[in-house]
Amino acid sequence: MAEAAERSRIEAQVRAQAEKDQAHRQALETLTATYPSLHSGLAQSYLLASASLPNTVQEEMASG
């Protein structure tokens, strides 16, 4: 009886760990899949901001 209970407890722990591992794998896959688009979006934002910077500086100097 105690052996069966211990076996059940261990099996439940193994299942819980497997589910946790699967969730971590899925999260990692999602992050890996979305990284290029996030990186591209950040690069695009940086390019736009840096391109407009000289105009902003000129406007500030003109309004002085």
Protein backbone atom coordinates (compact mmCIF):
# COMPACT_ATOMS: atom_id res chain seq x y z
CA MET A 1 0.00 0.00 0.00
CA ALA A 2 2.72 2.49 0.94
CA GLU A 3 4.71 1.45 -2.12
CA ALA A 4 1.76 2.21 -4.41
CA ALA A 5 1.26 5.61 -2.77
CA GLU A 6 4.96 6.43 -3.17
CA ARG A 7 4.87 5.34 -6.81
CA SER A 8 1.82 7.55 -7.42
CA ARG A 9 3.52 10.50 -5.75
CA ILE A 10 6.66 10.06 -7.85
CA GLU A 11 4.63 9.69 -11.05
CA ALA A 12 2.75 12.89 -10.22
CA GLN A 13 6.04 14.72 -9.64
CA VAL A 14 7.42 13.44 -12.94
CA ARG A 15 4.26 14.55 -14.79
CA ALA A 16 4.35 17.97 -13.15
CA GLN A 17 8.01 18.44 -14.07
CA ALA A 18 7.34 17.31 -17.65
CA GLU A 19 4.49 19.83 -17.94
CA LYS A 20 6.72 22.58 -16.53
CA ASP A 21 9.51 21.66 -18.97
CA GLN A 22 7.05 21.71 -21.87
CA ALA A 23 5.77 25.14 -20.84
CA HIS A 24 9.36 26.44 -20.68
CA ARG A 25 10.12 24.97 -24.11
CA GLN A 26 7.03 26.60 -25.58
CA ALA A 27 7.89 29.96 -24.03
CA LEU A 28 11.43 29.74 -25.38
CA GLU A 29 10.19 28.79 -28.84
CA THR A 30 7.76 31.72 -28.80
CA LEU A 31 10.47 34.17 -27.74
CA THR A 32 12.86 32.77 -30.34
CA ALA A 33 10.23 33.07 -33.06
CA THR A 34 9.27 36.65 -32.17
CA TYR A 35 12.80 37.99 -31.61
CA PRO A 36 13.52 38.82 -35.28
CA SER A 37 10.35 40.89 -35.62
CA LEU A 38 10.93 42.64 -32.29
CA HIS A 39 14.54 43.33 -33.21
CA SER A 40 13.49 44.60 -36.63
CA GLY A 41 10.88 46.87 -35.06
CA LEU A 42 13.41 48.33 -32.65
CA ALA A 43 15.90 48.87 -35.45
CA GLN A 44 13.23 50.62 -37.53
CA SER A 45 12.29 52.87 -34.60
CA TYR A 46 15.94 53.73 -34.00
CA LEU A 47 16.50 54.57 -37.67
CA LEU A 48 13.44 56.82 -37.77
CA ALA A 49 14.38 58.57 -34.53
CA SER A 50 18.00 59.06 -35.52
CA ALA A 51 17.01 60.32 -38.98
CA SER A 52 14.78 63.01 -37.49
CA LEU A 53 17.31 64.07 -34.84
CA PRO A 54 19.13 66.70 -36.97
CA ASN A 55 15.78 68.34 -37.80
CA THR A 56 14.83 68.40 -34.13
CA VAL A 57 18.15 69.98 -33.18
CA GLN A 58 17.79 72.61 -35.92
CA GLU A 59 14.25 73.42 -34.77
CA GLU A 60 15.41 73.84 -31.19
CA MET A 61 18.27 76.08 -32.27
CA ALA A 62 15.95 78.19 -34.42
CA SER A 63 13.42 78.63 -31.62
CA GLY A 64 16.31 79.30 -29.27
